[in-house]
């Protein structure tokens, strides 16, 4: 953990400490919670779409796709998207 020094109004800190105690927590925990919520606001709210890779009838990848190669995977995704757009 990192210690952070900030300047706050003394009365605000007293009121916040009292409220945190009433909630069964600490002011430090509440600040961590609020800071984490603040950071999460910048994250996308919808999950990222994972593209489907072309597979064979048995469920494995189509022949010629190397799962250890990013370029091979990207090329396979691009090729699949091009084919699906033609339908």
C-alpha atoms as a PDB file:
ATOM      1  CA  UNK A   1       0.000   0.000   0.000  1.00  0.00           C
ATOM      2  CA  UNK A   2       1.002   3.583  -0.605  1.00  0.00           C
ATOM      3  CA  UNK A   3       0.522   6.386   1.898  1.00  0.00           C
ATOM      4  CA  UNK A   4      -0.993   9.505   0.357  1.00  0.00           C
ATOM      5  CA  UNK A   5      -1.038  12.943   1.957  1.00  0.00           C
ATOM      6  CA  UNK A   6      -3.999  15.132   1.034  1.00  0.00           C
ATOM      7  CA  UNK A   7      -5.375  18.396   2.434  1.00  0.00           C
ATOM      8  CA  UNK A   8      -8.995  18.283   3.600  1.00  0.00           C
ATOM      9  CA  UNK A   9     -11.269  20.413   5.732  1.00  0.00           C
ATOM     10  CA  UNK A  10     -10.906  19.321   9.367  1.00  0.00           C
ATOM     11  CA  UNK A  11     -14.676  19.237  10.024  1.00  0.00           C
ATOM     12  CA  UNK A  12     -15.249  17.168   6.903  1.00  0.00           C
ATOM     13  CA  UNK A  13     -12.683  14.603   8.062  1.00  0.00           C
ATOM     14  CA  UNK A  14     -14.264  14.414  11.539  1.00  0.00           C
ATOM     15  CA  UNK A  15     -17.747  13.890  10.075  1.00  0.00           C
ATOM     16  CA  UNK A  16     -16.425  11.299   7.631  1.00  0.00           C
ATOM     17  CA  UNK A  17     -14.628   9.377  10.401  1.00  0.00           C
ATOM     18  CA  UNK A  18     -17.805   9.292  12.499  1.00  0.00           C
ATOM     19  CA  UNK A  19     -19.864   8.065   9.555  1.00  0.00           C
ATOM     20  CA  UNK A  20     -17.275   5.400   8.683  1.00  0.00           C
ATOM     21  CA  UNK A  21     -17.288   4.140  12.294  1.00  0.00           C
ATOM     22  CA  UNK A  22     -21.093   4.007  12.223  1.00  0.00           C
ATOM     23  CA  UNK A  23     -20.843   1.887   9.073  1.00  0.00           C
ATOM     24  CA  UNK A  24     -18.310  -0.418  10.722  1.00  0.00           C
ATOM     25  CA  UNK A  25     -15.402   0.584   8.531  1.00  0.00           C
ATOM     26  CA  UNK A  26     -12.536   3.066   8.466  1.00  0.00           C
ATOM     27  CA  UNK A  27     -12.117   6.337   6.660  1.00  0.00           C
ATOM     28  CA  UNK A  28      -9.125   4.881   4.796  1.00  0.00           C
ATOM     29  CA  UNK A  29     -11.272   1.988   3.552  1.00  0.00           C
ATOM     30  CA  UNK A  30     -13.989   4.389   2.398  1.00  0.00           C
ATOM     31  CA  UNK A  31     -11.447   6.556   0.530  1.00  0.00           C
ATOM     32  CA  UNK A  32     -10.005   3.431  -1.178  1.00  0.00           C
ATOM     33  CA  UNK A  33     -13.536   2.341  -2.133  1.00  0.00           C
ATOM     34  CA  UNK A  34     -14.449   5.763  -3.553  1.00  0.00           C
ATOM     35  CA  UNK A  35     -11.159   6.065  -5.426  1.00  0.00           C
ATOM     36  CA  UNK A  36     -11.644   2.606  -6.965  1.00  0.00           C
ATOM     37  CA  UNK A  37     -15.191   3.572  -8.040  1.00  0.00           C
ATOM     38  CA  UNK A  38     -13.816   6.782  -9.562  1.00  0.00           C
ATOM     39  CA  UNK A  39     -11.257   4.835 -11.598  1.00  0.00           C
ATOM     40  CA  UNK A  40     -13.851   2.274 -12.755  1.00  0.00           C
ATOM     41  CA  UNK A  41     -15.911   5.076 -14.330  1.00  0.00           C
ATOM     42  CA  UNK A  42     -13.333   5.232 -17.120  1.00  0.00           C
ATOM     43  CA  UNK A  43     -13.658   1.526 -17.899  1.00  0.00           C
ATOM     44  CA  UNK A  44     -16.065   0.444 -20.626  1.00  0.00           C
ATOM     45  CA  UNK A  45     -19.456  -0.441 -19.163  1.00  0.00           C
ATOM     46  CA  UNK A  46     -20.164  -3.093 -21.774  1.00  0.00           C
ATOM     47  CA  UNK A  47     -18.007  -6.185 -22.045  1.00  0.00           C
ATOM     48  CA  UNK A  48     -15.716  -6.382 -25.029  1.00  0.00           C
ATOM     49  CA  UNK A  49     -17.006  -8.514 -27.887  1.00  0.00           C
ATOM     50  CA  UNK A  50     -14.792 -11.530 -28.470  1.00  0.00           C
ATOM     51  CA  UNK A  51     -14.737 -12.351 -32.165  1.00  0.00           C
ATOM     52  CA  UNK A  52     -15.496 -15.892 -33.270  1.00  0.00           C
ATOM     53  CA  UNK A  53     -12.676 -17.729 -34.979  1.00  0.00           C
ATOM     54  CA  UNK A  54     -13.428 -20.026 -37.882  1.00  0.00           C
ATOM     55  CA  UNK A  55     -13.680 -23.586 -36.627  1.00  0.00           C
ATOM     56  CA  UNK A  56     -13.986 -26.958 -38.232  1.00  0.00           C
ATOM     57  CA  UNK A  57     -16.988 -29.226 -37.717  1.00  0.00           C
ATOM     58  CA  UNK A  58     -15.281 -30.899 -34.750  1.00  0.00           C
ATOM     59  CA  UNK A  59     -14.942 -27.582 -32.898  1.00  0.00           C
ATOM     60  CA  UNK A  60     -11.205 -27.078 -33.393  1.00  0.00           C
ATOM     61  CA  UNK A  61      -9.620 -24.278 -35.365  1.00  0.00           C
ATOM     62  CA  UNK A  62      -9.628 -24.537 -39.124  1.00  0.00           C
ATOM     63  CA  UNK A  63      -6.455 -25.999 -40.667  1.00  0.00           C
ATOM     64  CA  UNK A  64      -3.719 -23.432 -41.237  1.00  0.00           C
ATOM     65  CA  UNK A  65      -4.529 -21.313 -38.149  1.00  0.00           C
ATOM     66  CA  UNK A  66      -1.656 -21.286 -35.689  1.00  0.00           C
ATOM     67  CA  UNK A  67      -3.049 -20.611 -32.177  1.00  0.00           C
ATOM     68  CA  UNK A  68       0.444 -19.574 -31.039  1.00  0.00           C
ATOM     69  CA  UNK A  69       0.660 -16.798 -33.645  1.00  0.00           C
ATOM     70  CA  UNK A  70      -1.182 -13.518 -33.121  1.00  0.00           C
ATOM     71  CA  UNK A  71      -0.826 -12.709 -36.826  1.00  0.00           C
ATOM     72  CA  UNK A  72      -2.376 -16.054 -37.796  1.00  0.00           C
ATOM     73  CA  UNK A  73      -5.279 -15.488 -35.397  1.00  0.00           C
ATOM     74  CA  UNK A  74      -5.883 -11.909 -36.602  1.00  0.00           C
ATOM     75  CA  UNK A  75      -5.742 -12.999 -40.235  1.00  0.00           C
ATOM     76  CA  UNK A  76      -8.266 -15.764 -39.506  1.00  0.00           C
ATOM     77  CA  UNK A  77     -10.622 -13.300 -37.798  1.00  0.00           C
ATOM     78  CA  UNK A  78     -10.314 -10.833 -40.691  1.00  0.00           C
ATOM     79  CA  UNK A  79     -10.925 -13.575 -43.261  1.00  0.00           C
ATOM     80  CA  UNK A  80     -13.994 -14.798 -41.343  1.00  0.00           C
ATOM     81  CA  UNK A  81     -15.415 -11.264 -41.193  1.00  0.00           C
ATOM     82  CA  UNK A  82     -14.874 -10.799 -44.931  1.00  0.00           C
ATOM     83  CA  UNK A  83     -16.656 -14.084 -45.703  1.00  0.00           C
ATOM     84  CA  UNK A  84     -19.600 -13.316 -43.400  1.00  0.00           C
ATOM     85  CA  UNK A  85     -20.092  -9.894 -45.005  1.00  0.00           C
ATOM     86  CA  UNK A  86     -20.555 -11.554 -48.396  1.00  0.00           C
ATOM     87  CA  UNK A  87     -23.481 -13.702 -47.274  1.00  0.00           C
END
